[in-house]
Amino acid sequence: MTGRDALARLFEALEAGDFVRLAQVFAPNVTFRASLPDEIVEAGSASEAAACFEDWFGDAAALQLLSTGSDELGDVTAFRYRMRAKGRSGWLVIQQAGAVEATNGRITAMRLACTGFQREPSD
């Protein structure tokens, strides 16, 4: 399995809001680093990495992937995704991009940058 395969499983679990399944995409001792608009978040285990996603998306009434993309660059897979999250005040949009390394179908390292939640533009 490639980094793309692991990312596909991560995106499926994330859109389903299944953070237990999302944790299974990460290797037990994953190196995780996220650059958010106001802070840097790091995790050193699968459960800690999944908890980050649950903190960001767990309160959403609904999640919808709008787009995903990835490119293999040697041992690293670059990725990006855009998602809608339904919150108390309506739909918000977020985009995250970064790179992963994967072994045996599990993400061993993830570095990502996040736009933060933005109000969805009105038509």
PDB file of N, CA and C in Angstrom:
ATOM      1  N   MET A   1       0.829  -1.190   0.000  1.00  0.00           N
ATOM      2  CA  MET A   1       0.000   0.000   0.000  1.00  0.00           C
ATOM      3  C   MET A   1       0.870   1.250   0.000  1.00  0.00           C
ATOM      4  N   THR A   2       0.423   2.224  -0.714  1.00  0.00           N
ATOM      5  CA  THR A   2       1.166   3.473  -0.846  1.00  0.00           C
ATOM      6  C   THR A   2       0.626   4.530   0.116  1.00  0.00           C
ATOM      7  N   GLY A   3       1.307   5.662   0.133  1.00  0.00           N
ATOM      8  CA  GLY A   3       0.805   6.802   0.889  1.00  0.00           C
ATOM      9  C   GLY A   3      -0.560   7.239   0.388  1.00  0.00           C
ATOM     10  N   ARG A   4      -0.783   7.134  -0.924  1.00  0.00           N
ATOM     11  CA  ARG A   4      -2.091   7.487  -1.491  1.00  0.00           C
ATOM     12  C   ARG A   4      -3.192   6.581  -0.944  1.00  0.00           C
ATOM     13  N   ASP A   5      -2.885   5.284  -0.813  1.00  0.00           N
ATOM     14  CA  ASP A   5      -3.874   4.353  -0.258  1.00  0.00           C
ATOM     15  C   ASP A   5      -4.214   4.722   1.181  1.00  0.00           C
ATOM     16  N   ALA A   6      -3.195   5.030   1.972  1.00  0.00           N
ATOM     17  CA  ALA A   6      -3.424   5.411   3.368  1.00  0.00           C
ATOM     18  C   ALA A   6      -4.224   6.706   3.445  1.00  0.00           C
ATOM     19  N   LEU A   7      -3.911   7.659   2.579  1.00  0.00           N
ATOM     20  CA  LEU A   7      -4.663   8.916   2.566  1.00  0.00           C
ATOM     21  C   LEU A   7      -6.117   8.688   2.171  1.00  0.00           C
ATOM     22  N   ALA A   8      -6.372   7.811   1.220  1.00  0.00           N
ATOM     23  CA  ALA A   8      -7.757   7.520   0.823  1.00  0.00           C
ATOM     24  C   ALA A   8      -8.539   6.979   2.012  1.00  0.00           C
ATOM     25  N   ARG A   9      -7.914   6.104   2.791  1.00  0.00           N
ATOM     26  CA  ARG A   9      -8.575   5.563   3.991  1.00  0.00           C
ATOM     27  C   ARG A   9      -8.784   6.658   5.029  1.00  0.00           C
ATOM     28  N   LEU A  10      -7.808   7.554   5.178  1.00  0.00           N
ATOM     29  CA  LEU A  10      -7.943   8.668   6.112  1.00  0.00           C
ATOM     30  C   LEU A  10      -9.103   9.572   5.696  1.00  0.00           C
ATOM     31  N   PHE A  11      -9.176   9.917   4.409  1.00  0.00           N
ATOM     32  CA  PHE A  11     -10.250  10.794   3.928  1.00  0.00           C
ATOM     33  C   PHE A  11     -11.623  10.145   4.138  1.00  0.00           C
ATOM     34  N   GLU A  12     -11.740   8.847   3.877  1.00  0.00           N
ATOM     35  CA  GLU A  12     -13.017   8.147   4.072  1.00  0.00           C
ATOM     36  C   GLU A  12     -13.442   8.172   5.540  1.00  0.00           C
ATOM     37  N   ALA A  13     -12.506   7.881   6.428  1.00  0.00           N
ATOM     38  CA  ALA A  13     -12.818   7.873   7.861  1.00  0.00           C
ATOM     39  C   ALA A  13     -13.156   9.273   8.345  1.00  0.00           C
ATOM     40  N   LEU A  14     -12.440  10.277   7.854  1.00  0.00           N
ATOM     41  CA  LEU A  14     -12.683  11.653   8.264  1.00  0.00           C
ATOM     42  C   LEU A  14     -14.069  12.113   7.826  1.00  0.00           C
ATOM     43  N   GLU A  15     -14.425  11.854   6.575  1.00  0.00           N
ATOM     44  CA  GLU A  15     -15.734  12.283   6.081  1.00  0.00           C
ATOM     45  C   GLU A  15     -16.859  11.587   6.835  1.00  0.00           C
ATOM     46  N   ALA A  16     -16.615  10.343   7.249  1.00  0.00           N
ATOM     47  CA  ALA A  16     -17.613   9.594   8.024  1.00  0.00           C
ATOM     48  C   ALA A  16     -17.643  10.026   9.491  1.00  0.00           C
ATOM     49  N   GLY A  17     -16.667  10.826   9.906  1.00  0.00           N
ATOM     50  CA  GLY A  17     -16.583  11.218  11.312  1.00  0.00           C
ATOM     51  C   GLY A  17     -16.233  10.040  12.206  1.00  0.00           C
ATOM     52  N   ASP A  18     -15.538   9.050  11.647  1.00  0.00           N
ATOM     53  CA  ASP A  18     -15.173   7.827  12.371  1.00  0.00           C
ATOM     54  C   ASP A  18     -13.717   7.956  12.831  1.00  0.00           C
ATOM     55  N   PHE A  19     -13.530   8.519  14.017  1.00  0.00           N
ATOM     56  CA  PHE A  19     -12.185   8.810  14.501  1.00  0.00           C
ATOM     57  C   PHE A  19     -11.469   7.575  15.031  1.00  0.00           C
ATOM     58  N   VAL A  20     -12.214   6.526  15.372  1.00  0.00           N
ATOM     59  CA  VAL A  20     -11.595   5.246  15.737  1.00  0.00           C
ATOM     60  C   VAL A  20     -10.946   4.642  14.494  1.00  0.00           C
ATOM     61  N   ARG A  21     -11.686   4.625  13.392  1.00  0.00           N
ATOM     62  CA  ARG A  21     -11.144   4.098  12.130  1.00  0.00           C
ATOM     63  C   ARG A  21     -10.001   4.989  11.644  1.00  0.00           C
ATOM     64  N   LEU A  22     -10.126   6.292  11.837  1.00  0.00           N
ATOM     65  CA  LEU A  22      -9.071   7.211  11.432  1.00  0.00           C
ATOM     66  C   LEU A  22      -7.780   6.891  12.190  1.00  0.00           C
ATOM     67  N   ALA A  23      -7.865   6.587  13.476  1.00  0.00           N
ATOM     68  CA  ALA A  23      -6.666   6.254  14.266  1.00  0.00           C
ATOM     69  C   ALA A  23      -5.958   5.031  13.694  1.00  0.00           C
ATOM     70  N   GLN A  24      -6.709   4.113  13.110  1.00  0.00           N
ATOM     71  CA  GLN A  24      -6.127   2.884  12.565  1.00  0.00           C
ATOM     72  C   GLN A  24      -5.316   3.136  11.295  1.00  0.00           C
ATOM     73  N   VAL A  25      -5.477   4.307  10.688  1.00  0.00           N
ATOM     74  CA  VAL A  25      -4.695   4.664   9.499  1.00  0.00           C
ATOM     75  C   VAL A  25      -3.266   5.049   9.896  1.00  0.00           C
ATOM     76  N   PHE A  26      -3.087   5.506  11.130  1.00  0.00           N
ATOM     77  CA  PHE A  26      -1.779   5.933  11.604  1.00  0.00           C
ATOM     78  C   PHE A  26      -1.012   4.773  12.232  1.00  0.00           C
ATOM     79  N   ALA A  27       0.306   4.762  12.045  1.00  0.00           N
ATOM     80  CA  ALA A  27       1.171   3.820  12.746  1.00  0.00           C
ATOM     81  C   ALA A  27       1.145   4.166  14.238  1.00  0.00           C
ATOM     82  N   PRO A  28       1.343   3.171  15.102  1.00  0.00           N
ATOM     83  CA  PRO A  28       1.263   3.432  16.551  1.00  0.00           C
ATOM     84  C   PRO A  28       2.162   4.565  17.031  1.00  0.00           C
ATOM     85  N   ASN A  29       3.351   4.709  16.443  1.00  0.00           N
ATOM     86  CA  ASN A  29       4.297   5.746  16.884  1.00  0.00           C
ATOM     87  C   ASN A  29       4.465   6.834  15.815  1.00  0.00           C
ATOM     88  N   VAL A  30       3.370   7.238  15.187  1.00  0.00           N
ATOM     89  CA  VAL A  30       3.391   8.251  14.132  1.00  0.00           C
ATOM     90  C   VAL A  30       4.024   9.551  14.626  1.00  0.00           C
ATOM     91  N   THR A  31       4.711  10.223  13.726  1.00  0.00           N
ATOM     92  CA  THR A  31       5.198  11.570  13.976  1.00  0.00           C
ATOM     93  C   THR A  31       4.223  12.512  13.280  1.00  0.00           C
ATOM     94  N   PHE A  32       3.547  13.355  14.044  1.00  0.00           N
ATOM     95  CA  PHE A  32       2.476  14.203  13.529  1.00  0.00           C
ATOM     96  C   PHE A  32       2.743  15.641  13.925  1.00  0.00           C
ATOM     97  N   ARG A  33       2.676  16.541  12.941  1.00  0.00           N
ATOM     98  CA  ARG A  33       2.878  17.968  13.211  1.00  0.00           C
ATOM     99  C   ARG A  33       1.931  18.766  12.325  1.00  0.00           C
ATOM    100  N   ALA A  34       1.128  19.622  12.937  1.00  0.00           N
ATOM    101  CA  ALA A  34       0.164  20.435  12.210  1.00  0.00           C
ATOM    102  C   ALA A  34       0.391  21.909  12.507  1.00  0.00           C
ATOM    103  N   SER A  35       0.471  22.699  11.452  1.00  0.00           N
ATOM    104  CA  SER A  35       0.584  24.144  11.577  1.00  0.00           C
ATOM    105  C   SER A  35      -0.807  24.736  11.367  1.00  0.00           C
ATOM    106  N   LEU A  36      -1.392  25.227  12.462  1.00  0.00           N
ATOM    107  CA  LEU A  36      -2.718  25.824  12.441  1.00  0.00           C
ATOM    108  C   LEU A  36      -2.572  27.340  12.407  1.00  0.00           C
ATOM    109  N   PRO A  37      -3.641  28.068  12.131  1.00  0.00           N
ATOM    110  CA  PRO A  37      -3.506  29.531  12.077  1.00  0.00           C
ATOM    111  C   PRO A  37      -2.911  30.150  13.347  1.00  0.00           C
ATOM    112  N   ASP A  38      -3.212  29.578  14.522  1.00  0.00           N
ATOM    113  CA  ASP A  38      -2.754  30.194  15.768  1.00  0.00           C
ATOM    114  C   ASP A  38      -1.820  29.333  16.609  1.00  0.00           C
ATOM    115  N   GLU A  39      -1.478  28.138  16.128  1.00  0.00           N
ATOM    116  CA  GLU A  39      -0.627  27.270  16.940  1.00  0.00           C
ATOM    117  C   GLU A  39      -0.044  26.131  16.114  1.00  0.00           C
ATOM    118  N   ILE A  40       0.948  25.488  16.692  1.00  0.00           N
ATOM    119  CA  ILE A  40       1.532  24.266  16.150  1.00  0.00           C
ATOM    120  C   ILE A  40       1.082  23.133  17.067  1.00  0.00           C
ATOM    121  N   VAL A  41       0.596  22.049  16.473  1.00  0.00           N
ATOM    122  CA  VAL A  41       0.140  20.896  17.245  1.00  0.00           C
ATOM    123  C   VAL A  41       1.000  19.703  16.861  1.00  0.00           C
ATOM    124  N   GLU A  42       1.464  18.962  17.860  1.00  0.00           N
ATOM    125  CA  GLU A  42       2.266  17.766  17.607  1.00  0.00           C
ATOM    126  C   GLU A  42       1.670  16.577  18.349  1.00  0.00           C
ATOM    127  N   ALA A  43       1.846  15.398  17.764  1.00  0.00           N
ATOM    128  CA  ALA A  43       1.390  14.164  18.389  1.00  0.00           C
ATOM    129  C   ALA A  43       2.412  13.074  18.105  1.00  0.00           C
ATOM    130  N   GLY A  44       2.492  12.103  19.004  1.00  0.00           N
ATOM    131  CA  GLY A  44       3.465  11.027  18.858  1.00  0.00           C
ATOM    132  C   GLY A  44       2.870   9.642  18.865  1.00  0.00           C
ATOM    133  N   SER A  45       1.537   9.552  18.752  1.00  0.00           N
ATOM    134  CA  SER A  45       0.887   8.242  18.693  1.00  0.00           C
ATOM    135  C   SER A  45      -0.338   8.329  17.797  1.00  0.00           C
ATOM    136  N   ALA A  46      -0.814   7.176  17.366  1.00  0.00           N
ATOM    137  CA  ALA A  46      -2.004   7.127  16.508  1.00  0.00           C
ATOM    138  C   ALA A  46      -3.212   7.732  17.207  1.00  0.00           C
ATOM    139  N   SER A  47      -3.398   7.411  18.475  1.00  0.00           N
ATOM    140  CA  SER A  47      -4.567   7.932  19.193  1.00  0.00           C
ATOM    141  C   SER A  47      -4.472   9.446  19.379  1.00  0.00           C
ATOM    142  N   GLU A  48      -3.273   9.971  19.619  1.00  0.00           N
ATOM    143  CA  GLU A  48      -3.100  11.424  19.751  1.00  0.00           C
ATOM    144  C   GLU A  48      -3.354  12.132  18.422  1.00  0.00           C
ATOM    145  N   ALA A  49      -2.869  11.558  17.316  1.00  0.00           N
ATOM    146  CA  ALA A  49      -3.092  12.156  15.999  1.00  0.00           C
ATOM    147  C   ALA A  49      -4.582  12.163  15.665  1.00  0.00           C
ATOM    148  N   ALA A  50      -5.261  11.047  15.901  1.00  0.00           N
ATOM    149  CA  ALA A  50      -6.705  10.977  15.640  1.00  0.00           C
ATOM    150  C   ALA A  50      -7.465  11.955  16.527  1.00  0.00           C
ATOM    151  N   ALA A  51      -7.007  12.134  17.760  1.00  0.00           N
ATOM    152  CA  ALA A  51      -7.656  13.077  18.675  1.00  0.00           C
ATOM    153  C   ALA A  51      -7.562  14.505  18.149  1.00  0.00           C
ATOM    154  N   CYS A  52      -6.481  14.837  17.453  1.00  0.00           N
ATOM    155  CA  CYS A  52      -6.370  16.169  16.842  1.00  0.00           C
ATOM    156  C   CYS A  52      -7.498  16.370  15.840  1.00  0.00           C
ATOM    157  N   PHE A  53      -7.707  15.399  14.962  1.00  0.00           N
ATOM    158  CA  PHE A  53      -8.784  15.506  13.979  1.00  0.00           C
ATOM    159  C   PHE A  53     -10.149  15.552  14.665  1.00  0.00           C
ATOM    160  N   GLU A  54     -10.303  14.785  15.722  1.00  0.00           N
ATOM    161  CA  GLU A  54     -11.576  14.817  16.451  1.00  0.00           C
ATOM    162  C   GLU A  54     -11.796  16.186  17.104  1.00  0.00           C
ATOM    163  N   ASP A  55     -10.739  16.791  17.624  1.00  0.00           N
ATOM    164  CA  ASP A  55     -10.856  18.144  18.186  1.00  0.00           C
ATOM    165  C   ASP A  55     -11.306  19.134  17.117  1.00  0.00           C
ATOM    166  N   TRP A  56     -10.778  18.996  15.910  1.00  0.00           N
ATOM    167  CA  TRP A  56     -11.094  19.935  14.838  1.00  0.00           C
ATOM    168  C   TRP A  56     -12.478  19.694  14.241  1.00  0.00           C
ATOM    169  N   PHE A  57     -12.858  18.420  14.072  1.00  0.00           N
ATOM    170  CA  PHE A  57     -14.049  18.091  13.292  1.00  0.00           C
ATOM    171  C   PHE A  57     -15.138  17.346  14.067  1.00  0.00           C
ATOM    172  N   GLY A  58     -14.869  16.952  15.286  1.00  0.00           N
ATOM    173  CA  GLY A  58     -15.785  16.091  16.033  1.00  0.00           C
ATOM    174  C   GLY A  58     -17.126  16.710  16.368  1.00  0.00           C
ATOM    175  N   ASP A  59     -17.200  18.025  16.474  1.00  0.00           N
ATOM    176  CA  ASP A  59     -18.469  18.685  16.807  1.00  0.00           C
ATOM    177  C   ASP A  59     -19.330  18.980  15.590  1.00  0.00           C
ATOM    178  N   ALA A  60     -18.832  18.726  14.400  1.00  0.00           N
ATOM    179  CA  ALA A  60     -19.596  19.031  13.185  1.00  0.00           C
ATOM    180  C   ALA A  60     -20.811  18.120  13.080  1.00  0.00           C
ATOM    181  N   ALA A  61     -21.938  18.712  12.707  1.00  0.00           N
ATOM    182  CA  ALA A  61     -23.163  17.930  12.489  1.00  0.00           C
ATOM    183  C   ALA A  61     -23.054  17.101  11.214  1.00  0.00           C
ATOM    184  N   ALA A  62     -22.235  17.544  10.259  1.00  0.00           N
ATOM    185  CA  ALA A  62     -22.007  16.827   9.008  1.00  0.00           C
ATOM    186  C   ALA A  62     -20.659  17.253   8.444  1.00  0.00           C
ATOM    187  N   LEU A  63     -20.013  16.340   7.748  1.00  0.00           N
ATOM    188  CA  LEU A  63     -18.745  16.611   7.081  1.00  0.00           C
ATOM    189  C   LEU A  63     -18.871  16.181   5.626  1.00  0.00           C
ATOM    190  N   GLN A  64     -18.314  16.969   4.720  1.00  0.00           N
ATOM    191  CA  GLN A  64     -18.381  16.632   3.304  1.00  0.00           C
ATOM    192  C   GLN A  64     -17.068  17.010   2.645  1.00  0.00           C
ATOM    193  N   LEU A  65     -16.389  16.016   2.067  1.00  0.00           N
ATOM    194  CA  LEU A  65     -15.179  16.294   1.302  1.00  0.00           C
ATOM    195  C   LEU A  65     -15.570  16.967  -0.005  1.00  0.00           C
ATOM    196  N   LEU A  66     -14.931  18.068  -0.321  1.00  0.00           N
ATOM    197  CA  LEU A  66     -15.183  18.769  -1.571  1.00  0.00           C
ATOM    198  C   LEU A  66     -14.166  18.402  -2.641  1.00  0.00           C
ATOM    199  N   SER A  67     -12.911  18.211  -2.226  1.00  0.00           N
ATOM    200  CA  SER A  67     -11.875  17.817  -3.170  1.00  0.00           C
ATOM    201  C   SER A  67     -10.686  17.241  -2.411  1.00  0.00           C
ATOM    202  N   THR A  68      -9.966  16.367  -3.090  1.00  0.00           N
ATOM    203  CA  THR A  68      -8.734  15.797  -2.548  1.00  0.00           C
ATOM    204  C   THR A  68      -7.729  15.697  -3.690  1.00  0.00           C
ATOM    205  N   GLY A  69      -6.476  15.629  -3.331  1.00  0.00           N
ATOM    206  CA  GLY A  69      -5.439  15.419  -4.327  1.00  0.00           C
ATOM    207  C   GLY A  69      -4.170  14.943  -3.662  1.00  0.00           C
ATOM    208  N   SER A  70      -3.365  14.193  -4.410  1.00  0.00           N
ATOM    209  CA  SER A  70      -2.086  13.727  -3.875  1.00  0.00           C
ATOM    210  C   SER A  70      -1.120  13.452  -5.015  1.00  0.00           C
ATOM    211  N   ASP A  71       0.164  13.546  -4.705  1.00  0.00           N
ATOM    212  CA  ASP A  71       1.239  13.265  -5.640  1.00  0.00           C
ATOM    213  C   ASP A  71       2.348  12.539  -4.899  1.00  0.00           C
ATOM    214  N   GLU A  72       2.867  11.492  -5.511  1.00  0.00           N
ATOM    215  CA  GLU A  72       3.987  10.752  -4.935  1.00  0.00           C
ATOM    216  C   GLU A  72       5.286  11.479  -5.276  1.00  0.00           C
ATOM    217  N   LEU A  73       6.118  11.695  -4.265  1.00  0.00           N
ATOM    218  CA  LEU A  73       7.421  12.326  -4.433  1.00  0.00           C
ATOM    219  C   LEU A  73       8.463  11.452  -3.746  1.00  0.00           C
ATOM    220  N   GLY A  74       8.888  10.383  -4.400  1.00  0.00           N
ATOM    221  CA  GLY A  74       9.789   9.429  -3.772  1.00  0.00           C
ATOM    222  C   GLY A  74       9.076   8.720  -2.640  1.00  0.00           C
ATOM    223  N   ASP A  75       9.619   8.797  -1.427  1.00  0.00           N
ATOM    224  CA  ASP A  75       9.022   8.138  -0.263  1.00  0.00           C
ATOM    225  C   ASP A  75       7.934   8.966   0.402  1.00  0.00           C
ATOM    226  N   VAL A  76       7.689  10.165  -0.115  1.00  0.00           N
ATOM    227  CA  VAL A  76       6.731  11.093   0.489  1.00  0.00           C
ATOM    228  C   VAL A  76       5.541  11.263  -0.453  1.00  0.00           C
ATOM    229  N   THR A  77       4.360  11.378   0.127  1.00  0.00           N
ATOM    230  CA  THR A  77       3.159  11.670  -0.656  1.00  0.00           C
ATOM    231  C   THR A  77       2.631  13.026  -0.225  1.00  0.00           C
ATOM    232  N   ALA A  78       2.644  13.981  -1.158  1.00  0.00           N
ATOM    233  CA  ALA A  78       2.073  15.297  -0.897  1.00  0.00           C
ATOM    234  C   ALA A  78       0.558  15.190  -1.076  1.00  0.00           C
ATOM    235  N   PHE A  79      -0.196  15.935  -0.258  1.00  0.00           N
ATOM    236  CA  PHE A  79      -1.645  15.845  -0.335  1.00  0.00           C
ATOM    237  C   PHE A  79      -2.291  17.195  -0.039  1.00  0.00           C
ATOM    238  N   ARG A  80      -3.569  17.286  -0.414  1.00  0.00           N
ATOM    239  CA  ARG A  80      -4.400  18.413  -0.030  1.00  0.00           C
ATOM    240  C   ARG A  80      -5.840  17.938  -0.031  1.00  0.00           C
ATOM    241  N   TYR A  81      -6.639  18.546   0.817  1.00  0.00           N
ATOM    242  CA  TYR A  81      -8.073  18.306   0.762  1.00  0.00           C
ATOM    243  C   TYR A  81      -8.826  19.528   1.249  1.00  0.00           C
ATOM    244  N   ARG A  82     -10.015  19.670   0.714  1.00  0.00           N
ATOM    245  CA  ARG A  82     -10.932  20.741   1.120  1.00  0.00           C
ATOM    246  C   ARG A  82     -12.204  20.068   1.605  1.00  0.00           C
ATOM    247  N   MET A  83     -12.730  20.573   2.720  1.00  0.00           N
ATOM    248  CA  MET A  83     -13.887  19.944   3.356  1.00  0.00           C
ATOM    249  C   MET A  83     -14.862  20.993   3.844  1.00  0.00           C
ATOM    250  N   ARG A  84     -16.135  20.619   3.836  1.00  0.00           N
ATOM    251  CA  ARG A  84     -17.192  21.428   4.452  1.00  0.00           C
ATOM    252  C   ARG A  84     -17.537  20.786   5.786  1.00  0.00           C
ATOM    253  N   ALA A  85     -17.783  21.619   6.773  1.00  0.00           N
ATOM    254  CA  ALA A  85     -18.210  21.145   8.093  1.00  0.00           C
ATOM    255  C   ALA A  85     -19.420  21.963   8.510  1.00  0.00           C
ATOM    256  N   LYS A  86     -20.488  21.268   8.868  1.00  0.00           N
ATOM    257  CA  LYS A  86     -21.696  21.978   9.291  1.00  0.00           C
ATOM    258  C   LYS A  86     -21.612  22.225  10.788  1.00  0.00           C
ATOM    259  N   GLY A  87     -21.530  23.510  11.137  1.00  0.00           N
ATOM    260  CA  GLY A  87     -21.484  23.914  12.529  1.00  0.00           C
ATOM    261  C   GLY A  87     -22.791  24.543  12.956  1.00  0.00           C
ATOM    262  N   ARG A  88     -22.809  25.079  14.153  1.00  0.00           N
ATOM    263  CA  ARG A  88     -24.027  25.710  14.685  1.00  0.00           C
ATOM    264  C   ARG A  88     -24.495  26.887  13.846  1.00  0.00           C
ATOM    265  N   SER A  89     -23.550  27.597  13.243  1.00  0.00           N
ATOM    266  CA  SER A  89     -23.911  28.795  12.482  1.00  0.00           C
ATOM    267  C   SER A  89     -23.902  28.568  10.969  1.00  0.00           C
ATOM    268  N   GLY A  90     -23.931  27.321  10.540  1.00  0.00           N
ATOM    269  CA  GLY A  90     -23.956  27.029   9.105  1.00  0.00           C
ATOM    270  C   GLY A  90     -22.707  26.294   8.653  1.00  0.00           C
ATOM    271  N   TRP A  91     -22.543  26.254   7.353  1.00  0.00           N
ATOM    272  CA  TRP A  91     -21.420  25.529   6.765  1.00  0.00           C
ATOM    273  C   TRP A  91     -20.148  26.362   6.795  1.00  0.00           C
ATOM    274  N   LEU A  92     -19.047  25.697   7.122  1.00  0.00           N
ATOM    275  CA  LEU A  92     -17.717  26.282   7.085  1.00  0.00           C
ATOM    276  C   LEU A  92     -16.860  25.448   6.136  1.00  0.00           C
ATOM    277  N   VAL A  93     -15.845  26.067   5.562  1.00  0.00           N
ATOM    278  CA  VAL A  93     -14.937  25.377   4.652  1.00  0.00           C
ATOM    279  C   VAL A  93     -13.543  25.436   5.247  1.00  0.00           C
ATOM    280  N   ILE A  94     -12.800  24.350   5.080  1.00  0.00           N
ATOM    281  CA  ILE A  94     -11.427  24.287   5.567  1.00  0.00           C
ATOM    282  C   ILE A  94     -10.591  23.563   4.524  1.00  0.00           C
ATOM    283  N   GLN A  95      -9.343  23.951   4.411  1.00  0.00           N
ATOM    284  CA  GLN A  95      -8.428  23.237   3.533  1.00  0.00           C
ATOM    285  C   GLN A  95      -7.167  22.924   4.312  1.00  0.00           C
ATOM    286  N   GLN A  96      -6.689  21.701   4.140  1.00  0.00           N
ATOM    287  CA  GLN A  96      -5.434  21.281   4.747  1.00  0.00           C
ATOM    288  C   GLN A  96      -4.567  20.677   3.659  1.00  0.00           C
ATOM    289  N   ALA A  97      -3.264  20.878   3.778  1.00  0.00           N
ATOM    290  CA  ALA A  97      -2.306  20.349   2.807  1.00  0.00           C
ATOM    291  C   ALA A  97      -1.053  19.942   3.550  1.00  0.00           C
ATOM    292  N   GLY A  98      -0.335  18.999   2.983  1.00  0.00           N
ATOM    293  CA  GLY A  98       0.892  18.583   3.639  1.00  0.00           C
ATOM    294  C   GLY A  98       1.531  17.396   2.956  1.00  0.00           C
ATOM    295  N   ALA A  99       2.204  16.582   3.751  1.00  0.00           N
ATOM    296  CA  ALA A  99       2.912  15.421   3.238  1.00  0.00           C
ATOM    297  C   ALA A  99       2.849  14.304   4.262  1.00  0.00           C
ATOM    298  N   VAL A 100       2.805  13.071   3.749  1.00  0.00           N
ATOM    299  CA  VAL A 100       2.837  11.895   4.614  1.00  0.00           C
ATOM    300  C   VAL A 100       3.912  10.932   4.127  1.00  0.00           C
ATOM    301  N   GLU A 101       4.353  10.117   5.059  1.00  0.00           N
ATOM    302  CA  GLU A 101       5.164   8.940   4.755  1.00  0.00           C
ATOM    303  C   GLU A 101       4.372   7.762   5.279  1.00  0.00           C
ATOM    304  N   ALA A 102       4.385   6.650   4.542  1.00  0.00           N
ATOM    305  CA  ALA A 102       3.601   5.482   4.941  1.00  0.00           C
ATOM    306  C   ALA A 102       4.419   4.212   4.774  1.00  0.00           C
ATOM    307  N   THR A 103       4.177   3.271   5.683  1.00  0.00           N
ATOM    308  CA  THR A 103       4.788   1.951   5.635  1.00  0.00           C
ATOM    309  C   THR A 103       3.704   0.930   5.957  1.00  0.00           C
ATOM    310  N   ASN A 104       3.645  -0.117   5.163  1.00  0.00           N
ATOM    311  CA  ASN A 104       2.655  -1.182   5.377  1.00  0.00           C
ATOM    312  C   ASN A 104       1.233  -0.636   5.485  1.00  0.00           C
ATOM    313  N   GLY A 105       0.923   0.372   4.670  1.00  0.00           N
ATOM    314  CA  GLY A 105      -0.427   0.907   4.616  1.00  0.00           C
ATOM    315  C   GLY A 105      -0.817   1.832   5.747  1.00  0.00           C
ATOM    316  N   ARG A 106       0.136   2.193   6.593  1.00  0.00           N
ATOM    317  CA  ARG A 106      -0.163   3.094   7.713  1.00  0.00           C
ATOM    318  C   ARG A 106       0.737   4.319   7.646  1.00  0.00           C
ATOM    319  N   ILE A 107       0.174   5.457   8.016  1.00  0.00           N
ATOM    320  CA  ILE A 107       0.924   6.705   7.996  1.00  0.00           C
ATOM    321  C   ILE A 107       1.896   6.727   9.170  1.00  0.00           C
ATOM    322  N   THR A 108       3.184   6.854   8.861  1.00  0.00           N
ATOM    323  CA  THR A 108       4.221   6.896   9.894  1.00  0.00           C
ATOM    324  C   THR A 108       4.628   8.329  10.227  1.00  0.00           C
ATOM    325  N   ALA A 109       4.372   9.254   9.297  1.00  0.00           N
ATOM    326  CA  ALA A 109       4.676  10.665   9.532  1.00  0.00           C
ATOM    327  C   ALA A 109       3.679  11.517   8.746  1.00  0.00           C
ATOM    328  N   MET A 110       3.191  12.581   9.377  1.00  0.00           N
ATOM    329  CA  MET A 110       2.306  13.536   8.709  1.00  0.00           C
ATOM    330  C   MET A 110       2.685  14.940   9.134  1.00  0.00           C
ATOM    331  N   ARG A 111       2.844  15.789   8.129  1.00  0.00           N
ATOM    332  CA  ARG A 111       3.056  17.217   8.350  1.00  0.00           C
ATOM    333  C   ARG A 111       1.964  17.926   7.557  1.00  0.00           C
ATOM    334  N   LEU A 112       1.239  18.817   8.212  1.00  0.00           N
ATOM    335  CA  LEU A 112       0.181  19.508   7.487  1.00  0.00           C
ATOM    336  C   LEU A 112       0.062  20.961   7.894  1.00  0.00           C
ATOM    337  N   ALA A 113      -0.501  21.736   6.991  1.00  0.00           N
ATOM    338  CA  ALA A 113      -0.800  23.144   7.221  1.00  0.00           C
ATOM    339  C   ALA A 113      -2.296  23.329   6.996  1.00  0.00           C
ATOM    340  N   CYS A 114      -2.888  24.184   7.798  1.00  0.00           N
ATOM    341  CA  CYS A 114      -4.336  24.337   7.810  1.00  0.00           C
ATOM    342  C   CYS A 114      -4.733  25.800   7.621  1.00  0.00           C
ATOM    343  N   THR A 115      -5.782  26.033   6.827  1.00  0.00           N
ATOM    344  CA  THR A 115      -6.283  27.394   6.611  1.00  0.00           C
ATOM    345  C   THR A 115      -7.101  27.905   7.782  1.00  0.00           C
ATOM    346  N   GLY A 116      -7.594  26.994   8.616  1.00  0.00           N
ATOM    347  CA  GLY A 116      -8.588  27.360   9.616  1.00  0.00           C
ATOM    348  C   GLY A 116      -9.955  27.364   8.954  1.00  0.00           C
ATOM    349  N   PHE A 117     -11.003  27.349   9.771  1.00  0.00           N
ATOM    350  CA  PHE A 117     -12.356  27.325   9.227  1.00  0.00           C
ATOM    351  C   PHE A 117     -12.732  28.703   8.676  1.00  0.00           C
ATOM    352  N   GLN A 118     -13.285  28.690   7.483  1.00  0.00           N
ATOM    353  CA  GLN A 118     -13.714  29.907   6.800  1.00  0.00           C
ATOM    354  C   GLN A 118     -15.210  29.792   6.496  1.00  0.00           C
ATOM    355  N   ARG A 119     -15.928  30.880   6.582  1.00  0.00           N
ATOM    356  CA  ARG A 119     -17.332  30.849   6.207  1.00  0.00           C
ATOM    357  C   ARG A 119     -17.451  30.484   4.741  1.00  0.00           C
ATOM    358  N   GLU A 120     -18.404  29.625   4.445  1.00  0.00           N
ATOM    359  CA  GLU A 120     -18.619  29.240   3.061  1.00  0.00           C
ATOM    360  C   GLU A 120     -19.193  30.440   2.298  1.00  0.00           C
ATOM    361  N   PRO A 121     -18.641  30.739   1.134  1.00  0.00           N
ATOM    362  CA  PRO A 121     -19.163  31.881   0.378  1.00  0.00           C
ATOM    363  C   PRO A 121     -20.632  31.666  -0.003  1.00  0.00           C
ATOM    364  N   SER A 122     -21.400  32.722   0.026  1.00  0.00           N
ATOM    365  CA  SER A 122     -22.798  32.675  -0.393  1.00  0.00           C
ATOM    366  C   SER A 122     -22.876  32.755  -1.902  1.00  0.00           C
ATOM    367  N   ASP A 123     -23.889  32.125  -2.458  1.00  0.00           N
ATOM    368  CA  ASP A 123     -24.082  32.205  -3.926  1.00  0.00           C
ATOM    369  C   ASP A 123     -24.739  33.507  -4.302  1.00  0.00           C
TER     370      ASP A 123
END
